[in-house]
Amino acid sequence: MKREIRVTLDGSTTLYLPDWDEQYHSKHGAIQEAEHVFLQMGLAACTLQHISILEIGFGTGLNCFMTFLAAQKQQLSIDYVGVEAYPVVQEELDLLNYTTLLAAQKHQAVFDRLHSTSWEEKQEISPTFSLTKKQLSFKDITDQNKYDLIYFDAFGAEHQPELWTVSIFEKMFVALKPKGILTTYAAKGSVRRAMQEVGFLVERLPGPPGKREMLRAIKE
């Protein structure tokens, strides 16, 4: 599928799919969205020192990279697993501007390594941050009781409704440890009800810039 580079309103770049008229991140700001939805409403809600994270939609690696930066500041130990069916290619990665806008040029080598490391194998990015990238469909996830936090960053239900169903959220529920958290930019009633049906306690929270609400789900 064809992908193009677009600049979002906070100046950060994203990938755009013209066939779907869909972007990988919010048009109101890729970095702002990642910071609000996944770091503030997800990572910051975890009270653990060692956190196991599953990302649904590894994409450009922005959520992973920002989690790495936050973990460095907060002295957290992170075991990160990113699932992606269609990996981004190097020519696209070269056009992203995340390290510059995040004032993290000294970690450019880390951002590059997030993408250059081999798939399907756990890799040590730093002494306190490991990454495992898995190339598979979300419906094929079979992990059980493994993660403290899930970043659910799949494409919107308008284009891939099969990713926002009871069957998918049941897999997420099973993959989480008790008290585990799932956070997502989505706020549709059908998504909330699908989460509740599998047993999640679901909260409506203020959304990132340009979006009124988002959802956070907890495995009670």
C-alpha atoms as a PDB file:
ATOM      1  CA  MET A   1       0.000   0.000   0.000  1.00  0.00           C
ATOM      2  CA  LYS A   2       1.331   3.444  -0.948  1.00  0.00           C
ATOM      3  CA  ARG A   3       2.497   5.684   1.917  1.00  0.00           C
ATOM      4  CA  GLU A   4       3.429   9.372   1.922  1.00  0.00           C
ATOM      5  CA  ILE A   5       5.043  11.676   4.475  1.00  0.00           C
ATOM      6  CA  ARG A   6       2.794  14.331   6.007  1.00  0.00           C
ATOM      7  CA  VAL A   7       3.526  17.058   8.587  1.00  0.00           C
ATOM      8  CA  THR A   8       1.035  17.279  11.463  1.00  0.00           C
ATOM      9  CA  LEU A   9       0.012  20.476  13.265  1.00  0.00           C
ATOM     10  CA  ASP A  10       2.666  20.201  15.984  1.00  0.00           C
ATOM     11  CA  GLY A  11       5.355  20.010  13.286  1.00  0.00           C
ATOM     12  CA  SER A  12       6.012  16.293  13.664  1.00  0.00           C
ATOM     13  CA  THR A  13       5.834  13.991  10.682  1.00  0.00           C
ATOM     14  CA  THR A  14       3.622  10.992  10.081  1.00  0.00           C
ATOM     15  CA  LEU A  15       2.817   8.535   7.312  1.00  0.00           C
ATOM     16  CA  TYR A  16      -0.293   8.994   5.180  1.00  0.00           C
ATOM     17  CA  LEU A  17      -2.170   6.300   3.258  1.00  0.00           C
ATOM     18  CA  PRO A  18      -3.822   8.003   0.250  1.00  0.00           C
ATOM     19  CA  ASP A  19      -5.874   4.912  -0.618  1.00  0.00           C
ATOM     20  CA  TRP A  20      -7.582   5.150   2.773  1.00  0.00           C
ATOM     21  CA  ASP A  21      -7.198   8.888   3.398  1.00  0.00           C
ATOM     22  CA  GLU A  22      -5.782   7.808   6.779  1.00  0.00           C
ATOM     23  CA  GLN A  23      -2.707   8.841   8.763  1.00  0.00           C
ATOM     24  CA  TYR A  24      -0.614   6.827  11.214  1.00  0.00           C
ATOM     25  CA  HIS A  25      -1.022   9.613  13.784  1.00  0.00           C
ATOM     26  CA  SER A  26      -3.402  12.469  14.540  1.00  0.00           C
ATOM     27  CA  LYS A  27      -3.289  15.334  12.045  1.00  0.00           C
ATOM     28  CA  HIS A  28      -3.336  17.625  15.088  1.00  0.00           C
ATOM     29  CA  GLY A  29       0.094  16.379  16.171  1.00  0.00           C
ATOM     30  CA  ALA A  30       1.828  13.010  16.110  1.00  0.00           C
ATOM     31  CA  ILE A  31       4.053  13.735  19.097  1.00  0.00           C
ATOM     32  CA  GLN A  32       1.253  15.423  21.072  1.00  0.00           C
ATOM     33  CA  GLU A  33      -1.007  12.426  20.535  1.00  0.00           C
ATOM     34  CA  ALA A  34       1.642   9.908  21.602  1.00  0.00           C
ATOM     35  CA  GLU A  35       2.523  11.941  24.689  1.00  0.00           C
ATOM     36  CA  HIS A  36      -1.085  12.291  25.840  1.00  0.00           C
ATOM     37  CA  VAL A  37      -2.654   8.945  24.938  1.00  0.00           C
ATOM     38  CA  PHE A  38       0.186   6.531  25.605  1.00  0.00           C
ATOM     39  CA  LEU A  39       2.622   8.204  27.997  1.00  0.00           C
ATOM     40  CA  GLN A  40       0.403  10.373  30.195  1.00  0.00           C
ATOM     41  CA  MET A  41      -2.679   8.139  30.212  1.00  0.00           C
ATOM     42  CA  GLY A  42      -0.806   4.850  29.948  1.00  0.00           C
ATOM     43  CA  LEU A  43       2.788   4.748  31.154  1.00  0.00           C
ATOM     44  CA  ALA A  44       2.237   7.333  33.888  1.00  0.00           C
ATOM     45  CA  ALA A  45      -0.718   5.314  35.203  1.00  0.00           C
ATOM     46  CA  CYS A  46       1.554   2.347  35.928  1.00  0.00           C
ATOM     47  CA  THR A  47       3.085   2.367  39.384  1.00  0.00           C
ATOM     48  CA  LEU A  48       5.627  -0.388  38.677  1.00  0.00           C
ATOM     49  CA  GLN A  49       9.368   0.022  38.289  1.00  0.00           C
ATOM     50  CA  HIS A  50       9.595  -2.739  35.704  1.00  0.00           C
ATOM     51  CA  ILE A  51       6.873  -2.548  33.051  1.00  0.00           C
ATOM     52  CA  SER A  52       6.044  -5.003  30.300  1.00  0.00           C
ATOM     53  CA  ILE A  53       4.428  -3.224  27.330  1.00  0.00           C
ATOM     54  CA  LEU A  54       2.659  -4.515  24.211  1.00  0.00           C
ATOM     55  CA  GLU A  55       2.133  -2.083  21.352  1.00  0.00           C
ATOM     56  CA  ILE A  56      -0.559  -2.902  18.819  1.00  0.00           C
ATOM     57  CA  GLY A  57       0.729  -1.136  15.703  1.00  0.00           C
ATOM     58  CA  PHE A  58       4.489  -0.487  16.007  1.00  0.00           C
ATOM     59  CA  GLY A  59       4.401   1.691  12.878  1.00  0.00           C
ATOM     60  CA  THR A  60       6.964   4.505  12.849  1.00  0.00           C
ATOM     61  CA  GLY A  61       8.300   3.574  16.285  1.00  0.00           C
ATOM     62  CA  LEU A  62       7.265   6.929  17.776  1.00  0.00           C
ATOM     63  CA  ASN A  63       5.448   5.466  20.801  1.00  0.00           C
ATOM     64  CA  CYS A  64       8.331   3.114  21.480  1.00  0.00           C
ATOM     65  CA  PHE A  65      10.956   5.857  21.174  1.00  0.00           C
ATOM     66  CA  MET A  66       9.067   8.263  23.435  1.00  0.00           C
ATOM     67  CA  THR A  67       8.621   5.455  25.971  1.00  0.00           C
ATOM     68  CA  PHE A  68      12.371   4.862  25.870  1.00  0.00           C
ATOM     69  CA  LEU A  69      13.031   8.563  26.546  1.00  0.00           C
ATOM     70  CA  ALA A  70      10.519   8.638  29.410  1.00  0.00           C
ATOM     71  CA  ALA A  71      11.978   5.488  30.921  1.00  0.00           C
ATOM     72  CA  GLN A  72      15.445   7.036  30.896  1.00  0.00           C
ATOM     73  CA  LYS A  73      14.202  10.086  32.796  1.00  0.00           C
ATOM     74  CA  GLN A  74      12.127   8.092  35.280  1.00  0.00           C
ATOM     75  CA  GLN A  75      14.644   5.257  35.718  1.00  0.00           C
ATOM     76  CA  LEU A  76      12.175   2.613  34.632  1.00  0.00           C
ATOM     77  CA  SER A  77      12.956  -0.835  33.293  1.00  0.00           C
ATOM     78  CA  ILE A  78      10.909  -1.609  30.164  1.00  0.00           C
ATOM     79  CA  ASP A  79      10.306  -4.865  28.292  1.00  0.00           C
ATOM     80  CA  TYR A  80       8.646  -3.661  25.066  1.00  0.00           C
ATOM     81  CA  VAL A  81       6.924  -5.815  22.442  1.00  0.00           C
ATOM     82  CA  GLY A  82       5.774  -4.179  19.218  1.00  0.00           C
ATOM     83  CA  VAL A  83       3.424  -5.961  16.799  1.00  0.00           C
ATOM     84  CA  GLU A  84       3.253  -4.751  13.198  1.00  0.00           C
ATOM     85  CA  ALA A  85       1.846  -6.482  10.129  1.00  0.00           C
ATOM     86  CA  TYR A  86       3.382  -4.070   7.589  1.00  0.00           C
ATOM     87  CA  PRO A  87       6.751  -2.667   8.730  1.00  0.00           C
ATOM     88  CA  VAL A  88       7.838   0.817   7.697  1.00  0.00           C
ATOM     89  CA  VAL A  89      10.769   0.875   5.264  1.00  0.00           C
ATOM     90  CA  GLN A  90      14.049   2.745   5.697  1.00  0.00           C
ATOM     91  CA  GLU A  91      13.301   5.331   3.002  1.00  0.00           C
ATOM     92  CA  GLU A  92      10.244   6.413   5.008  1.00  0.00           C
ATOM     93  CA  LEU A  93      12.082   6.396   8.333  1.00  0.00           C
ATOM     94  CA  ASP A  94      14.733   8.731   6.918  1.00  0.00           C
ATOM     95  CA  LEU A  95      12.066  11.423   6.444  1.00  0.00           C
ATOM     96  CA  LEU A  96      10.747  11.383  10.023  1.00  0.00           C
ATOM     97  CA  ASN A  97      11.768  14.244  12.329  1.00  0.00           C
ATOM     98  CA  TYR A  98      11.042  12.876  15.793  1.00  0.00           C
ATOM     99  CA  THR A  99      14.519  13.056  17.313  1.00  0.00           C
ATOM    100  CA  THR A 100      14.852  16.722  16.302  1.00  0.00           C
ATOM    101  CA  LEU A 101      11.466  17.864  17.638  1.00  0.00           C
ATOM    102  CA  LEU A 102      11.925  15.875  20.848  1.00  0.00           C
ATOM    103  CA  ALA A 103      15.390  17.439  21.317  1.00  0.00           C
ATOM    104  CA  ALA A 104      16.719  13.896  21.421  1.00  0.00           C
ATOM    105  CA  GLN A 105      19.342  14.005  18.686  1.00  0.00           C
ATOM    106  CA  LYS A 106      21.804  12.301  21.009  1.00  0.00           C
ATOM    107  CA  HIS A 107      19.485   9.281  20.907  1.00  0.00           C
ATOM    108  CA  GLN A 108      19.256   9.149  17.104  1.00  0.00           C
ATOM    109  CA  ALA A 109      21.210   5.895  17.162  1.00  0.00           C
ATOM    110  CA  VAL A 110      18.599   4.422  19.507  1.00  0.00           C
ATOM    111  CA  PHE A 111      15.740   5.431  17.195  1.00  0.00           C
ATOM    112  CA  ASP A 112      17.589   3.897  14.265  1.00  0.00           C
ATOM    113  CA  ARG A 113      18.217   0.707  16.200  1.00  0.00           C
ATOM    114  CA  LEU A 114      14.544   0.312  17.083  1.00  0.00           C
ATOM    115  CA  HIS A 115      13.975  -0.264  13.380  1.00  0.00           C
ATOM    116  CA  SER A 116      17.194  -1.979  12.335  1.00  0.00           C
ATOM    117  CA  THR A 117      17.101  -4.743  14.946  1.00  0.00           C
ATOM    118  CA  SER A 118      15.935  -8.123  13.715  1.00  0.00           C
ATOM    119  CA  TRP A 119      12.323  -9.203  14.062  1.00  0.00           C
ATOM    120  CA  GLU A 120      11.053 -12.030  16.274  1.00  0.00           C
ATOM    121  CA  GLU A 121      14.047 -11.810  18.650  1.00  0.00           C
ATOM    122  CA  LYS A 122      14.368  -9.931  21.920  1.00  0.00           C
ATOM    123  CA  GLN A 123      16.984  -7.200  21.593  1.00  0.00           C
ATOM    124  CA  GLU A 124      18.644  -5.144  24.336  1.00  0.00           C
ATOM    125  CA  ILE A 125      18.407  -1.481  23.320  1.00  0.00           C
ATOM    126  CA  SER A 126      19.906  -0.319  26.618  1.00  0.00           C
ATOM    127  CA  PRO A 127      20.584  -2.029  29.966  1.00  0.00           C
ATOM    128  CA  THR A 128      17.033  -1.146  31.064  1.00  0.00           C
ATOM    129  CA  PHE A 129      15.092  -1.279  27.771  1.00  0.00           C
ATOM    130  CA  SER A 130      14.501  -4.368  25.651  1.00  0.00           C
ATOM    131  CA  LEU A 131      12.526  -4.608  22.406  1.00  0.00           C
ATOM    132  CA  THR A 132      10.921  -7.536  20.617  1.00  0.00           C
ATOM    133  CA  LYS A 133       9.326  -6.784  17.249  1.00  0.00           C
ATOM    134  CA  LYS A 134       6.794  -9.273  15.917  1.00  0.00           C
ATOM    135  CA  GLN A 135       5.502  -9.202  12.354  1.00  0.00           C
ATOM    136  CA  LEU A 136       2.057 -10.750  12.544  1.00  0.00           C
ATOM    137  CA  SER A 137      -1.640  -9.962  12.400  1.00  0.00           C
ATOM    138  CA  PHE A 138      -3.203  -8.788  15.635  1.00  0.00           C
ATOM    139  CA  LYS A 139      -5.694 -11.660  15.511  1.00  0.00           C
ATOM    140  CA  ASP A 140      -2.776 -14.089  15.834  1.00  0.00           C
ATOM    141  CA  ILE A 141      -1.574 -12.772  19.217  1.00  0.00           C
ATOM    142  CA  THR A 142      -1.679 -15.587  21.776  1.00  0.00           C
ATOM    143  CA  ASP A 143       0.157 -14.117  24.804  1.00  0.00           C
ATOM    144  CA  GLN A 144      -1.376 -14.808  28.202  1.00  0.00           C
ATOM    145  CA  ASN A 145      -1.011 -12.858  31.458  1.00  0.00           C
ATOM    146  CA  LYS A 146       2.166 -11.206  30.166  1.00  0.00           C
ATOM    147  CA  TYR A 147       1.797  -7.425  29.947  1.00  0.00           C
ATOM    148  CA  ASP A 148       1.266  -4.599  32.405  1.00  0.00           C
ATOM    149  CA  LEU A 149       0.322  -2.107  29.697  1.00  0.00           C
ATOM    150  CA  ILE A 150      -1.021  -2.213  26.139  1.00  0.00           C
ATOM    151  CA  TYR A 151      -0.735   0.681  23.703  1.00  0.00           C
ATOM    152  CA  PHE A 152      -3.629  -0.015  21.338  1.00  0.00           C
ATOM    153  CA  ASP A 153      -2.694   2.075  18.299  1.00  0.00           C
ATOM    154  CA  ALA A 154      -4.328   0.238  15.404  1.00  0.00           C
ATOM    155  CA  PHE A 155      -5.794   2.038  12.390  1.00  0.00           C
ATOM    156  CA  GLY A 156      -9.265   3.449  12.957  1.00  0.00           C
ATOM    157  CA  ALA A 157     -12.413   1.366  12.929  1.00  0.00           C
ATOM    158  CA  GLU A 158     -13.618   3.193   9.809  1.00  0.00           C
ATOM    159  CA  HIS A 159     -10.970   1.369   7.772  1.00  0.00           C
ATOM    160  CA  GLN A 160     -10.245  -1.763   9.822  1.00  0.00           C
ATOM    161  CA  PRO A 161     -13.334  -2.508  11.923  1.00  0.00           C
ATOM    162  CA  GLU A 162     -12.142  -6.085  12.478  1.00  0.00           C
ATOM    163  CA  LEU A 163      -9.402  -4.733  14.772  1.00  0.00           C
ATOM    164  CA  TRP A 164     -11.905  -3.175  17.186  1.00  0.00           C
ATOM    165  CA  THR A 165     -14.090  -6.187  17.938  1.00  0.00           C
ATOM    166  CA  VAL A 166     -14.902  -8.326  20.954  1.00  0.00           C
ATOM    167  CA  SER A 167     -12.602 -11.081  19.652  1.00  0.00           C
ATOM    168  CA  ILE A 168      -9.602  -8.741  19.469  1.00  0.00           C
ATOM    169  CA  PHE A 169     -10.214  -7.171  22.875  1.00  0.00           C
ATOM    170  CA  GLU A 170     -10.631 -10.636  24.356  1.00  0.00           C
ATOM    171  CA  LYS A 171      -7.080 -11.355  23.194  1.00  0.00           C
ATOM    172  CA  MET A 172      -5.928  -8.101  24.806  1.00  0.00           C
ATOM    173  CA  PHE A 173      -7.698  -8.973  28.058  1.00  0.00           C
ATOM    174  CA  VAL A 174      -6.035 -12.396  28.165  1.00  0.00           C
ATOM    175  CA  ALA A 175      -2.620 -10.908  27.315  1.00  0.00           C
ATOM    176  CA  LEU A 176      -2.747  -8.455  30.227  1.00  0.00           C
ATOM    177  CA  LYS A 177      -1.796  -9.253  33.785  1.00  0.00           C
ATOM    178  CA  PRO A 178      -4.394  -8.574  36.499  1.00  0.00           C
ATOM    179  CA  LYS A 179      -4.698  -4.781  37.021  1.00  0.00           C
ATOM    180  CA  GLY A 180      -3.132  -4.311  33.570  1.00  0.00           C
ATOM    181  CA  ILE A 181      -4.027  -1.230  31.527  1.00  0.00           C
ATOM    182  CA  LEU A 182      -4.986  -0.767  27.864  1.00  0.00           C
ATOM    183  CA  THR A 183      -4.964   2.761  26.489  1.00  0.00           C
ATOM    184  CA  THR A 184      -6.129   3.951  23.067  1.00  0.00           C
ATOM    185  CA  TYR A 185      -6.993   7.135  21.192  1.00  0.00           C
ATOM    186  CA  ALA A 186     -10.398   5.659  20.220  1.00  0.00           C
ATOM    187  CA  ALA A 187     -13.600   6.789  21.928  1.00  0.00           C
ATOM    188  CA  LYS A 188     -16.437   5.206  19.896  1.00  0.00           C
ATOM    189  CA  GLY A 189     -19.291   3.698  21.853  1.00  0.00           C
ATOM    190  CA  SER A 190     -18.987   0.411  19.969  1.00  0.00           C
ATOM    191  CA  VAL A 191     -15.328   0.136  21.009  1.00  0.00           C
ATOM    192  CA  ARG A 192     -16.147   0.872  24.642  1.00  0.00           C
ATOM    193  CA  ARG A 193     -18.913  -1.727  24.648  1.00  0.00           C
ATOM    194  CA  ALA A 194     -16.654  -4.361  23.061  1.00  0.00           C
ATOM    195  CA  MET A 195     -14.090  -3.746  25.812  1.00  0.00           C
ATOM    196  CA  GLN A 196     -16.728  -3.993  28.526  1.00  0.00           C
ATOM    197  CA  GLU A 197     -18.111  -7.208  27.081  1.00  0.00           C
ATOM    198  CA  VAL A 198     -14.813  -9.045  27.625  1.00  0.00           C
ATOM    199  CA  GLY A 199     -14.498  -7.803  31.212  1.00  0.00           C
ATOM    200  CA  PHE A 200     -12.617  -4.506  31.066  1.00  0.00           C
ATOM    201  CA  LEU A 201     -13.443  -1.606  33.363  1.00  0.00           C
ATOM    202  CA  VAL A 202     -13.478   1.256  30.850  1.00  0.00           C
ATOM    203  CA  GLU A 203     -12.867   4.947  31.532  1.00  0.00           C
ATOM    204  CA  ARG A 204     -13.627   7.874  29.252  1.00  0.00           C
ATOM    205  CA  LEU A 205     -10.779  10.369  29.531  1.00  0.00           C
ATOM    206  CA  PRO A 206     -10.022  13.755  27.936  1.00  0.00           C
ATOM    207  CA  GLY A 207      -8.539  13.178  24.511  1.00  0.00           C
ATOM    208  CA  PRO A 208      -5.382  14.594  22.909  1.00  0.00           C
ATOM    209  CA  PRO A 209      -5.449  17.891  20.983  1.00  0.00           C
ATOM    210  CA  GLY A 210      -8.231  17.809  18.390  1.00  0.00           C
ATOM    211  CA  LYS A 211     -10.123  14.951  20.063  1.00  0.00           C
ATOM    212  CA  ARG A 212     -12.669  15.317  22.861  1.00  0.00           C
ATOM    213  CA  GLU A 213     -12.330  11.878  24.457  1.00  0.00           C
ATOM    214  CA  MET A 214     -10.232   8.688  24.511  1.00  0.00           C
ATOM    215  CA  LEU A 215     -10.553   5.366  26.327  1.00  0.00           C
ATOM    216  CA  ARG A 216      -8.538   3.585  28.990  1.00  0.00           C
ATOM    217  CA  ALA A 217      -9.419   0.048  30.039  1.00  0.00           C
ATOM    218  CA  ILE A 218      -8.324  -1.858  33.133  1.00  0.00           C
ATOM    219  CA  LYS A 219      -8.319  -5.615  33.655  1.00  0.00           C
ATOM    220  CA  GLU A 220      -9.907  -5.954  37.078  1.00  0.00           C
END
